Amino acid sequence: MRRPSTDQHQRTMDREQYKKGNIGKNFMCRLQCMFSHSASSESSRLTLEDTQQWSQSLEKLLDSKYGLATFRTFLKSEYSDENIEFWLTCEDFKKLRSSFRMSSRAKRIYEQFIKAESPKEINIDHQTREQIKRNVKTPTTHCFDEAQKIVYGLMERDSYPRFLRSEVYRTLLENLSADASKG
């Protein structure tokens, strides 16, 4: 019998915590632990105000390290994290300057997200898929822009509103609100 991957194990644990009603509190602790090593100042802590701002726009959510981590975890729990993974991969791709690295990375992105039947195939139209197939032959930092725009739109219209209604987000807000009122 095959052992589940760490990601699968974490998803199972998250679902069990969700059923028990503990997901918000436990997730808040995990988030703070994840980022506690990066800065020790109070300003790096997850706050109610920051968390409330996530509901203003997908852009504000993705600009927050805690927001991005929470959104990714939410999408993983729904087995629909390919869009955010593609979008983030494209953001990293745009930072490349070496044409050799750009070429190899573009091919990897194509194989992983764009190619029909790929492991994390994103939902884009045939015309965009074909355009990217041509772009990857001589990649530029903008060769995935159209697909990235489509994926961002999908997240903004679909995943993001579900996230805002999710138990994870609502419980996180409730816990932070309770903590803030305690002083």
N, C-alpha and C. Protein backbone atom coordinates (compact mmCIF):
# COMPACT_ATOMS: atom_id res chain seq x y z
N MET A 1 0.83 -1.18 0.00
CA MET A 1 0.00 0.00 0.00
C MET A 1 0.88 1.25 0.00
N ARG A 2 0.56 2.18 -0.90
CA ARG A 2 1.34 3.39 -1.03
C ARG A 2 1.01 4.39 0.07
N ARG A 3 2.03 5.01 0.62
CA ARG A 3 1.83 6.04 1.64
C ARG A 3 1.43 7.35 0.98
N PRO A 4 0.46 8.07 1.53
CA PRO A 4 0.07 9.35 0.92
C PRO A 4 1.20 10.36 1.02
N SER A 5 1.27 11.26 0.04
CA SER A 5 2.28 12.31 0.06
C SER A 5 1.99 13.26 1.22
N THR A 6 2.99 14.10 1.53
CA THR A 6 2.83 15.07 2.59
C THR A 6 1.65 15.99 2.30
N ASP A 7 1.52 16.42 1.02
CA ASP A 7 0.39 17.27 0.62
C ASP A 7 -0.94 16.57 0.87
N GLN A 8 -1.03 15.30 0.48
CA GLN A 8 -2.26 14.54 0.67
C GLN A 8 -2.55 14.37 2.16
N HIS A 9 -1.51 14.10 2.92
CA HIS A 9 -1.66 13.93 4.37
C HIS A 9 -2.17 15.23 5.00
N GLN A 10 -1.59 16.37 4.58
CA GLN A 10 -2.01 17.66 5.12
C GLN A 10 -3.46 17.95 4.75
N ARG A 11 -3.86 17.63 3.51
CA ARG A 11 -5.24 17.84 3.08
C ARG A 11 -6.21 17.02 3.92
N THR A 12 -5.84 15.77 4.18
CA THR A 12 -6.68 14.90 5.00
C THR A 12 -6.81 15.47 6.41
N MET A 13 -5.70 15.93 6.97
CA MET A 13 -5.73 16.53 8.30
C MET A 13 -6.58 17.80 8.30
N ASP A 14 -6.45 18.62 7.25
CA ASP A 14 -7.24 19.84 7.16
C ASP A 14 -8.73 19.52 7.10
N ARG A 15 -9.10 18.51 6.33
CA ARG A 15 -10.52 18.14 6.22
C ARG A 15 -11.04 17.64 7.56
N GLU A 16 -10.22 16.86 8.29
CA GLU A 16 -10.64 16.37 9.60
C GLU A 16 -10.82 17.53 10.58
N GLN A 17 -9.88 18.49 10.55
CA GLN A 17 -9.99 19.66 11.42
C GLN A 17 -11.21 20.49 11.05
N TYR A 18 -11.48 20.60 9.76
CA TYR A 18 -12.65 21.34 9.27
C TYR A 18 -13.92 20.73 9.85
N LYS A 19 -14.01 19.39 9.80
CA LYS A 19 -15.18 18.69 10.32
C LYS A 19 -15.35 18.92 11.82
N LYS A 20 -14.23 19.04 12.53
CA LYS A 20 -14.28 19.24 13.98
C LYS A 20 -14.50 20.71 14.35
N GLY A 21 -14.46 21.59 13.35
CA GLY A 21 -14.67 23.01 13.62
C GLY A 21 -13.42 23.74 14.11
N ASN A 22 -12.25 23.11 13.99
CA ASN A 22 -11.02 23.70 14.51
C ASN A 22 -10.15 24.33 13.43
N ILE A 23 -10.58 24.28 12.19
CA ILE A 23 -9.70 24.66 11.10
C ILE A 23 -9.17 26.08 11.21
N GLY A 24 -10.01 27.03 11.56
CA GLY A 24 -9.58 28.43 11.62
C GLY A 24 -8.48 28.66 12.63
N LYS A 25 -8.67 28.17 13.85
CA LYS A 25 -7.70 28.37 14.92
C LYS A 25 -6.39 27.65 14.59
N ASN A 26 -6.48 26.38 14.17
CA ASN A 26 -5.28 25.62 13.86
C ASN A 26 -4.55 26.21 12.65
N PHE A 27 -5.30 26.64 11.66
CA PHE A 27 -4.69 27.20 10.48
C PHE A 27 -3.98 28.51 10.81
N MET A 28 -4.60 29.33 11.65
CA MET A 28 -3.99 30.58 12.06
C MET A 28 -2.64 30.31 12.74
N CYS A 29 -2.59 29.32 13.59
CA CYS A 29 -1.34 28.96 14.26
C CYS A 29 -0.29 28.49 13.25
N ARG A 30 -0.73 27.66 12.31
CA ARG A 30 0.19 27.16 11.28
C ARG A 30 0.72 28.30 10.44
N LEU A 31 -0.13 29.23 10.05
CA LEU A 31 0.29 30.38 9.25
C LEU A 31 1.35 31.19 9.99
N GLN A 32 1.09 31.48 11.25
CA GLN A 32 2.03 32.30 12.01
C GLN A 32 3.35 31.56 12.21
N CYS A 33 3.29 30.26 12.39
CA CYS A 33 4.52 29.48 12.53
C CYS A 33 5.31 29.46 11.22
N MET A 34 4.59 29.35 10.10
CA MET A 34 5.23 29.31 8.78
C MET A 34 6.08 30.55 8.55
N PHE A 35 5.60 31.70 8.99
CA PHE A 35 6.28 32.94 8.69
C PHE A 35 7.04 33.51 9.87
N SER A 36 7.00 32.87 11.03
CA SER A 36 7.64 33.44 12.21
C SER A 36 9.15 33.50 12.07
N HIS A 37 9.73 32.62 11.30
CA HIS A 37 11.19 32.61 11.15
C HIS A 37 11.69 33.76 10.28
N SER A 38 10.81 34.32 9.41
CA SER A 38 11.26 35.34 8.46
C SER A 38 11.44 36.71 9.10
N ALA A 39 10.71 37.00 10.15
CA ALA A 39 10.85 38.30 10.83
C ALA A 39 10.32 38.15 12.25
N SER A 40 10.99 38.75 13.17
CA SER A 40 10.56 38.58 14.56
C SER A 40 9.74 39.77 15.05
N SER A 41 9.57 40.78 14.21
CA SER A 41 8.85 41.97 14.67
C SER A 41 7.35 41.74 14.71
N GLU A 42 6.68 42.54 15.51
CA GLU A 42 5.22 42.48 15.63
C GLU A 42 4.55 42.80 14.30
N SER A 43 5.19 43.64 13.47
CA SER A 43 4.58 44.06 12.20
C SER A 43 4.41 42.90 11.23
N SER A 44 5.08 41.79 11.47
CA SER A 44 4.97 40.65 10.56
C SER A 44 3.85 39.69 10.98
N ARG A 45 3.16 39.99 12.05
CA ARG A 45 2.09 39.12 12.54
C ARG A 45 0.83 39.27 11.70
N LEU A 46 0.07 38.21 11.65
CA LEU A 46 -1.23 38.23 10.97
C LEU A 46 -2.19 39.06 11.80
N THR A 47 -2.83 40.06 11.18
CA THR A 47 -3.75 40.93 11.92
C THR A 47 -5.15 40.86 11.33
N LEU A 48 -6.11 41.26 12.12
CA LEU A 48 -7.50 41.31 11.68
C LEU A 48 -7.65 42.28 10.51
N GLU A 49 -7.01 43.45 10.60
CA GLU A 49 -7.11 44.46 9.54
C GLU A 49 -6.59 43.93 8.21
N ASP A 50 -5.43 43.28 8.23
CA ASP A 50 -4.87 42.70 7.01
C ASP A 50 -5.81 41.65 6.43
N THR A 51 -6.31 40.80 7.30
CA THR A 51 -7.18 39.71 6.86
C THR A 51 -8.48 40.26 6.29
N GLN A 52 -9.01 41.33 6.86
CA GLN A 52 -10.22 41.95 6.32
C GLN A 52 -9.96 42.56 4.94
N GLN A 53 -8.76 43.06 4.72
CA GLN A 53 -8.43 43.66 3.43
C GLN A 53 -8.42 42.63 2.29
N TRP A 54 -8.22 41.37 2.62
CA TRP A 54 -8.23 40.34 1.58
C TRP A 54 -9.55 40.33 0.82
N SER A 55 -10.63 40.75 1.50
CA SER A 55 -11.94 40.71 0.85
C SER A 55 -12.15 41.88 -0.12
N GLN A 56 -11.23 42.82 -0.16
CA GLN A 56 -11.37 43.98 -1.05
C GLN A 56 -11.07 43.63 -2.51
N SER A 57 -10.09 42.74 -2.72
CA SER A 57 -9.76 42.34 -4.09
C SER A 57 -8.82 41.13 -4.06
N LEU A 58 -8.83 40.41 -5.16
CA LEU A 58 -7.91 39.28 -5.30
C LEU A 58 -6.47 39.79 -5.25
N GLU A 59 -6.23 40.95 -5.82
CA GLU A 59 -4.89 41.52 -5.83
C GLU A 59 -4.38 41.75 -4.41
N LYS A 60 -5.23 42.29 -3.53
CA LYS A 60 -4.82 42.51 -2.12
C LYS A 60 -4.55 41.18 -1.43
N LEU A 61 -5.35 40.17 -1.74
CA LEU A 61 -5.15 38.85 -1.16
C LEU A 61 -3.79 38.28 -1.57
N LEU A 62 -3.48 38.36 -2.86
CA LEU A 62 -2.23 37.80 -3.38
C LEU A 62 -1.01 38.61 -2.97
N ASP A 63 -1.20 39.90 -2.67
CA ASP A 63 -0.08 40.74 -2.23
C ASP A 63 0.32 40.47 -0.78
N SER A 64 -0.54 39.81 -0.03
CA SER A 64 -0.26 39.49 1.36
C SER A 64 0.36 38.10 1.46
N LYS A 65 1.49 37.99 2.16
CA LYS A 65 2.11 36.66 2.29
C LYS A 65 1.17 35.69 2.99
N TYR A 66 0.46 36.17 4.02
CA TYR A 66 -0.50 35.31 4.71
C TYR A 66 -1.71 35.02 3.83
N GLY A 67 -2.14 36.04 3.10
CA GLY A 67 -3.29 35.86 2.21
C GLY A 67 -3.01 34.84 1.13
N LEU A 68 -1.84 34.95 0.51
CA LEU A 68 -1.46 34.00 -0.53
C LEU A 68 -1.37 32.59 0.03
N ALA A 69 -0.74 32.44 1.19
CA ALA A 69 -0.62 31.11 1.81
C ALA A 69 -1.99 30.53 2.14
N THR A 70 -2.89 31.37 2.65
CA THR A 70 -4.23 30.91 3.01
C THR A 70 -5.01 30.52 1.77
N PHE A 71 -4.94 31.34 0.72
CA PHE A 71 -5.65 31.07 -0.53
C PHE A 71 -5.13 29.78 -1.16
N ARG A 72 -3.82 29.59 -1.17
CA ARG A 72 -3.23 28.36 -1.74
C ARG A 72 -3.71 27.13 -0.97
N THR A 73 -3.73 27.24 0.35
CA THR A 73 -4.19 26.12 1.17
C THR A 73 -5.65 25.82 0.89
N PHE A 74 -6.46 26.86 0.77
CA PHE A 74 -7.87 26.68 0.44
C PHE A 74 -8.01 25.97 -0.91
N LEU A 75 -7.29 26.42 -1.93
CA LEU A 75 -7.38 25.81 -3.26
C LEU A 75 -6.90 24.36 -3.24
N LYS A 76 -5.85 24.08 -2.48
CA LYS A 76 -5.36 22.70 -2.36
C LYS A 76 -6.42 21.81 -1.72
N SER A 77 -7.14 22.35 -0.75
CA SER A 77 -8.17 21.56 -0.07
C SER A 77 -9.32 21.23 -1.02
N GLU A 78 -9.48 22.04 -2.05
CA GLU A 78 -10.51 21.79 -3.07
C GLU A 78 -9.95 21.06 -4.29
N TYR A 79 -8.68 20.70 -4.24
CA TYR A 79 -7.99 20.08 -5.38
C TYR A 79 -8.09 20.94 -6.63
N SER A 80 -7.96 22.25 -6.45
CA SER A 80 -8.04 23.16 -7.59
C SER A 80 -6.95 24.23 -7.52
N ASP A 81 -5.74 23.80 -7.20
CA ASP A 81 -4.65 24.76 -7.02
C ASP A 81 -3.82 25.00 -8.27
N GLU A 82 -4.18 24.38 -9.41
CA GLU A 82 -3.38 24.54 -10.62
C GLU A 82 -3.35 25.99 -11.11
N ASN A 83 -4.44 26.72 -10.95
CA ASN A 83 -4.46 28.11 -11.43
C ASN A 83 -3.51 29.01 -10.66
N ILE A 84 -3.52 28.94 -9.34
CA ILE A 84 -2.63 29.78 -8.56
C ILE A 84 -1.17 29.35 -8.77
N GLU A 85 -0.95 28.05 -8.90
CA GLU A 85 0.41 27.56 -9.14
C GLU A 85 0.93 28.07 -10.49
N PHE A 86 0.07 28.03 -11.52
CA PHE A 86 0.46 28.55 -12.83
C PHE A 86 0.74 30.05 -12.74
N TRP A 87 -0.15 30.80 -12.12
CA TRP A 87 0.00 32.24 -12.03
C TRP A 87 1.31 32.61 -11.31
N LEU A 88 1.59 31.94 -10.21
CA LEU A 88 2.83 32.20 -9.47
C LEU A 88 4.07 31.80 -10.27
N THR A 89 3.97 30.69 -10.97
CA THR A 89 5.09 30.24 -11.80
C THR A 89 5.38 31.26 -12.89
N CYS A 90 4.33 31.83 -13.47
CA CYS A 90 4.50 32.87 -14.50
C CYS A 90 5.14 34.13 -13.91
N GLU A 91 4.74 34.49 -12.70
CA GLU A 91 5.34 35.65 -12.05
C GLU A 91 6.85 35.44 -11.87
N ASP A 92 7.24 34.24 -11.47
CA ASP A 92 8.67 33.93 -11.33
C ASP A 92 9.36 33.91 -12.70
N PHE A 93 8.68 33.37 -13.70
CA PHE A 93 9.23 33.28 -15.06
C PHE A 93 9.57 34.68 -15.59
N LYS A 94 8.72 35.65 -15.31
CA LYS A 94 8.94 37.02 -15.81
C LYS A 94 10.21 37.66 -15.24
N LYS A 95 10.73 37.11 -14.16
CA LYS A 95 11.93 37.67 -13.53
C LYS A 95 13.22 37.12 -14.15
N LEU A 96 13.10 36.08 -14.98
CA LEU A 96 14.28 35.47 -15.59
C LEU A 96 14.90 36.42 -16.62
N ARG A 97 16.21 36.41 -16.69
CA ARG A 97 16.91 37.24 -17.68
C ARG A 97 17.76 36.41 -18.63
N SER A 98 18.16 35.24 -18.21
CA SER A 98 18.97 34.36 -19.05
C SER A 98 18.09 33.69 -20.09
N SER A 99 18.45 33.82 -21.36
CA SER A 99 17.64 33.21 -22.43
C SER A 99 17.66 31.69 -22.34
N PHE A 100 18.77 31.11 -21.89
CA PHE A 100 18.84 29.66 -21.73
C PHE A 100 17.86 29.19 -20.65
N ARG A 101 17.89 29.86 -19.50
CA ARG A 101 16.98 29.50 -18.40
C ARG A 101 15.53 29.75 -18.80
N MET A 102 15.30 30.84 -19.52
CA MET A 102 13.95 31.17 -19.97
C MET A 102 13.42 30.08 -20.90
N SER A 103 14.25 29.62 -21.80
CA SER A 103 13.85 28.58 -22.75
C SER A 103 13.51 27.28 -22.04
N SER A 104 14.37 26.83 -21.15
CA SER A 104 14.10 25.57 -20.45
C SER A 104 12.90 25.69 -19.52
N ARG A 105 12.76 26.83 -18.84
CA ARG A 105 11.63 27.03 -17.93
C ARG A 105 10.31 27.14 -18.71
N ALA A 106 10.33 27.80 -19.86
CA ALA A 106 9.12 27.93 -20.69
C ALA A 106 8.63 26.55 -21.13
N LYS A 107 9.55 25.70 -21.51
CA LYS A 107 9.18 24.34 -21.92
C LYS A 107 8.59 23.56 -20.76
N ARG A 108 9.18 23.74 -19.59
CA ARG A 108 8.68 23.06 -18.39
C ARG A 108 7.27 23.55 -18.03
N ILE A 109 7.05 24.85 -18.11
CA ILE A 109 5.73 25.43 -17.83
C ILE A 109 4.72 24.89 -18.84
N TYR A 110 5.11 24.85 -20.09
CA TYR A 110 4.22 24.33 -21.14
C TYR A 110 3.84 22.88 -20.84
N GLU A 111 4.83 22.06 -20.52
CA GLU A 111 4.59 20.64 -20.24
C GLU A 111 3.73 20.43 -18.99
N GLN A 112 3.91 21.27 -18.01
CA GLN A 112 3.21 21.10 -16.74
C GLN A 112 1.80 21.68 -16.73
N PHE A 113 1.58 22.82 -17.40
CA PHE A 113 0.31 23.53 -17.27
C PHE A 113 -0.48 23.73 -18.56
N ILE A 114 0.18 23.81 -19.70
CA ILE A 114 -0.47 24.22 -20.94
C ILE A 114 -0.86 23.05 -21.84
N LYS A 115 0.05 22.16 -22.03
CA LYS A 115 -0.16 21.02 -22.93
C LYS A 115 -1.42 20.24 -22.53
N ALA A 116 -2.20 19.86 -23.54
CA ALA A 116 -3.41 19.08 -23.27
C ALA A 116 -3.04 17.82 -22.50
N GLU A 117 -3.83 17.49 -21.49
CA GLU A 117 -3.61 16.32 -20.64
C GLU A 117 -2.37 16.44 -19.75
N SER A 118 -1.86 17.66 -19.56
CA SER A 118 -0.70 17.84 -18.68
C SER A 118 -1.12 17.65 -17.22
N PRO A 119 -0.15 17.40 -16.34
CA PRO A 119 -0.48 17.10 -14.93
C PRO A 119 -1.33 18.17 -14.23
N LYS A 120 -1.06 19.44 -14.52
CA LYS A 120 -1.80 20.52 -13.88
C LYS A 120 -2.42 21.42 -14.95
N GLU A 121 -3.03 20.82 -15.92
CA GLU A 121 -3.58 21.56 -17.06
C GLU A 121 -4.54 22.66 -16.60
N ILE A 122 -4.30 23.87 -17.09
CA ILE A 122 -5.17 24.99 -16.77
C ILE A 122 -6.27 25.09 -17.83
N ASN A 123 -7.32 25.77 -17.48
CA ASN A 123 -8.49 25.90 -18.35
C ASN A 123 -8.36 27.15 -19.23
N ILE A 124 -7.79 26.96 -20.44
CA ILE A 124 -7.67 28.06 -21.39
C ILE A 124 -8.21 27.58 -22.73
N ASP A 125 -8.54 28.53 -23.58
CA ASP A 125 -9.09 28.17 -24.89
C ASP A 125 -8.00 27.63 -25.82
N HIS A 126 -8.45 26.94 -26.86
CA HIS A 126 -7.55 26.29 -27.83
C HIS A 126 -6.63 27.30 -28.51
N GLN A 127 -7.17 28.44 -28.87
CA GLN A 127 -6.38 29.46 -29.58
C GLN A 127 -5.21 29.95 -28.70
N THR A 128 -5.48 30.21 -27.43
CA THR A 128 -4.42 30.65 -26.51
C THR A 128 -3.39 29.54 -26.33
N ARG A 129 -3.86 28.31 -26.21
CA ARG A 129 -2.96 27.16 -26.05
C ARG A 129 -2.02 27.05 -27.25
N GLU A 130 -2.56 27.21 -28.44
CA GLU A 130 -1.75 27.12 -29.67
C GLU A 130 -0.77 28.29 -29.76
N GLN A 131 -1.20 29.47 -29.38
CA GLN A 131 -0.31 30.64 -29.40
C GLN A 131 0.87 30.42 -28.46
N ILE A 132 0.60 29.89 -27.29
CA ILE A 132 1.68 29.62 -26.33
C ILE A 132 2.62 28.55 -26.88
N LYS A 133 2.06 27.55 -27.52
CA LYS A 133 2.89 26.49 -28.12
C LYS A 133 3.90 27.11 -29.09
N ARG A 134 3.46 28.10 -29.88
CA ARG A 134 4.37 28.80 -30.81
C ARG A 134 5.35 29.69 -30.02
N ASN A 135 4.85 30.39 -29.01
CA ASN A 135 5.69 31.30 -28.22
C ASN A 135 6.84 30.59 -27.52
N VAL A 136 6.60 29.39 -27.07
CA VAL A 136 7.59 28.65 -26.30
C VAL A 136 8.82 28.31 -27.14
N LYS A 137 8.65 28.28 -28.45
CA LYS A 137 9.80 27.98 -29.34
C LYS A 137 10.86 29.08 -29.27
N THR A 138 10.43 30.32 -29.10
CA THR A 138 11.34 31.45 -28.88
C THR A 138 10.75 32.31 -27.78
N PRO A 139 10.89 31.87 -26.54
CA PRO A 139 10.19 32.52 -25.42
C PRO A 139 10.70 33.91 -25.08
N THR A 140 9.76 34.73 -24.63
CA THR A 140 10.07 36.03 -24.04
C THR A 140 9.40 36.05 -22.67
N THR A 141 9.64 37.09 -21.91
CA THR A 141 9.03 37.16 -20.58
C THR A 141 7.51 37.28 -20.66
N HIS A 142 7.00 37.58 -21.84
CA HIS A 142 5.55 37.79 -22.00
C HIS A 142 4.84 36.62 -22.69
N CYS A 143 5.52 35.51 -22.92
CA CYS A 143 4.91 34.43 -23.72
C CYS A 143 3.70 33.76 -23.04
N PHE A 144 3.55 33.93 -21.73
CA PHE A 144 2.41 33.33 -21.02
C PHE A 144 1.38 34.37 -20.56
N ASP A 145 1.58 35.62 -20.95
CA ASP A 145 0.73 36.71 -20.45
C ASP A 145 -0.76 36.49 -20.69
N GLU A 146 -1.13 36.06 -21.89
CA GLU A 146 -2.56 35.89 -22.20
C GLU A 146 -3.17 34.79 -21.33
N ALA A 147 -2.47 33.68 -21.19
CA ALA A 147 -2.97 32.59 -20.34
C ALA A 147 -3.02 33.03 -18.88
N GLN A 148 -2.04 33.79 -18.46
CA GLN A 148 -2.01 34.28 -17.08
C GLN A 148 -3.20 35.21 -16.83
N LYS A 149 -3.53 36.04 -17.80
CA LYS A 149 -4.68 36.95 -17.67
C LYS A 149 -5.98 36.14 -17.58
N ILE A 150 -6.11 35.10 -18.39
CA ILE A 150 -7.30 34.25 -18.36
C ILE A 150 -7.44 33.57 -17.00
N VAL A 151 -6.34 33.01 -16.52
CA VAL A 151 -6.34 32.30 -15.24
C VAL A 151 -6.65 33.25 -14.08
N TYR A 152 -6.10 34.44 -14.12
CA TYR A 152 -6.39 35.42 -13.07
C TYR A 152 -7.88 35.73 -13.07
N GLY A 153 -8.46 35.91 -14.25
CA GLY A 153 -9.90 36.17 -14.37
C GLY A 153 -10.73 35.04 -13.81
N LEU A 154 -10.31 33.80 -14.09
CA LEU A 154 -11.02 32.63 -13.56
C LEU A 154 -10.97 32.62 -12.03
N MET A 155 -9.80 32.89 -11.49
CA MET A 155 -9.67 32.91 -10.03
C MET A 155 -10.53 34.03 -9.44
N GLU A 156 -10.49 35.19 -10.08
CA GLU A 156 -11.22 36.34 -9.57
C GLU A 156 -12.73 36.11 -9.57
N ARG A 157 -13.22 35.44 -10.62
CA ARG A 157 -14.67 35.21 -10.74
C ARG A 157 -15.16 33.97 -10.01
N ASP A 158 -14.27 32.99 -9.80
CA ASP A 158 -14.72 31.70 -9.28
C ASP A 158 -14.10 31.35 -7.92
N SER A 159 -12.81 31.12 -7.89
CA SER A 159 -12.14 30.65 -6.67
C SER A 159 -12.15 31.69 -5.56
N TYR A 160 -11.88 32.93 -5.90
CA TYR A 160 -11.79 34.00 -4.90
C TYR A 160 -13.12 34.20 -4.16
N PRO A 161 -14.27 34.31 -4.87
CA PRO A 161 -15.54 34.43 -4.12
C PRO A 161 -15.83 33.21 -3.23
N ARG A 162 -15.47 32.01 -3.71
CA ARG A 162 -15.65 30.81 -2.88
C ARG A 162 -14.76 30.88 -1.65
N PHE A 163 -13.55 31.37 -1.82
CA PHE A 163 -12.63 31.53 -0.69
C PHE A 163 -13.23 32.46 0.36
N LEU A 164 -13.77 33.60 -0.10
CA LEU A 164 -14.34 34.57 0.84
C LEU A 164 -15.53 34.01 1.61
N ARG A 165 -16.23 33.04 1.03
CA ARG A 165 -17.37 32.40 1.70
C ARG A 165 -16.94 31.16 2.49
N SER A 166 -15.68 30.77 2.36
CA SER A 166 -15.21 29.51 2.95
C SER A 166 -15.17 29.56 4.47
N GLU A 167 -15.25 28.38 5.06
CA GLU A 167 -15.15 28.22 6.51
C GLU A 167 -13.77 28.66 7.00
N VAL A 168 -12.73 28.37 6.21
CA VAL A 168 -11.37 28.75 6.61
C VAL A 168 -11.27 30.25 6.78
N TYR A 169 -11.70 31.01 5.80
CA TYR A 169 -11.59 32.47 5.86
C TYR A 169 -12.49 33.05 6.96
N ARG A 170 -13.73 32.59 7.01
CA ARG A 170 -14.66 33.12 8.02
C ARG A 170 -14.18 32.82 9.44
N THR A 171 -13.69 31.60 9.67
CA THR A 171 -13.21 31.23 11.00
C THR A 171 -11.95 32.01 11.36
N LEU A 172 -11.08 32.21 10.39
CA LEU A 172 -9.88 33.00 10.62
C LEU A 172 -10.25 34.42 11.05
N LEU A 173 -11.21 35.03 10.35
CA LEU A 173 -11.68 36.37 10.72
C LEU A 173 -12.28 36.37 12.13
N GLU A 174 -13.10 35.38 12.42
CA GLU A 174 -13.73 35.30 13.75
C GLU A 174 -12.69 35.17 14.85
N ASN A 175 -11.71 34.31 14.64
CA ASN A 175 -10.67 34.11 15.66
C ASN A 175 -9.83 35.37 15.86
N LEU A 176 -9.47 36.03 14.76
CA LEU A 176 -8.68 37.26 14.87
C LEU A 176 -9.49 38.36 15.53
N SER A 177 -10.79 38.40 15.22
CA SER A 177 -11.68 39.39 15.82
C SER A 177 -11.81 39.15 17.33
N ALA A 178 -11.95 37.90 17.71
CA ALA A 178 -12.04 37.53 19.13
C ALA A 178 -10.74 37.89 19.85
N ASP A 179 -9.60 37.59 19.21
CA ASP A 179 -8.31 37.92 19.81
C ASP A 179 -8.13 39.43 19.97
N ALA A 180 -8.58 40.19 18.95
CA ALA A 180 -8.46 41.66 19.00
C ALA A 180 -9.32 42.26 20.10
N SER A 181 -10.50 41.68 20.31
CA SER A 181 -11.38 42.22 21.34
C SER A 181 -10.91 41.89 22.76
N LYS A 182 -10.08 40.85 22.88
CA LYS A 182 -9.51 40.49 24.18
C LYS A 182 -8.39 41.47 24.57
N GLY A 183 -7.85 42.11 23.53
CA GLY A 183 -6.82 43.11 23.83
C GLY A 183 -5.51 42.56 23.56
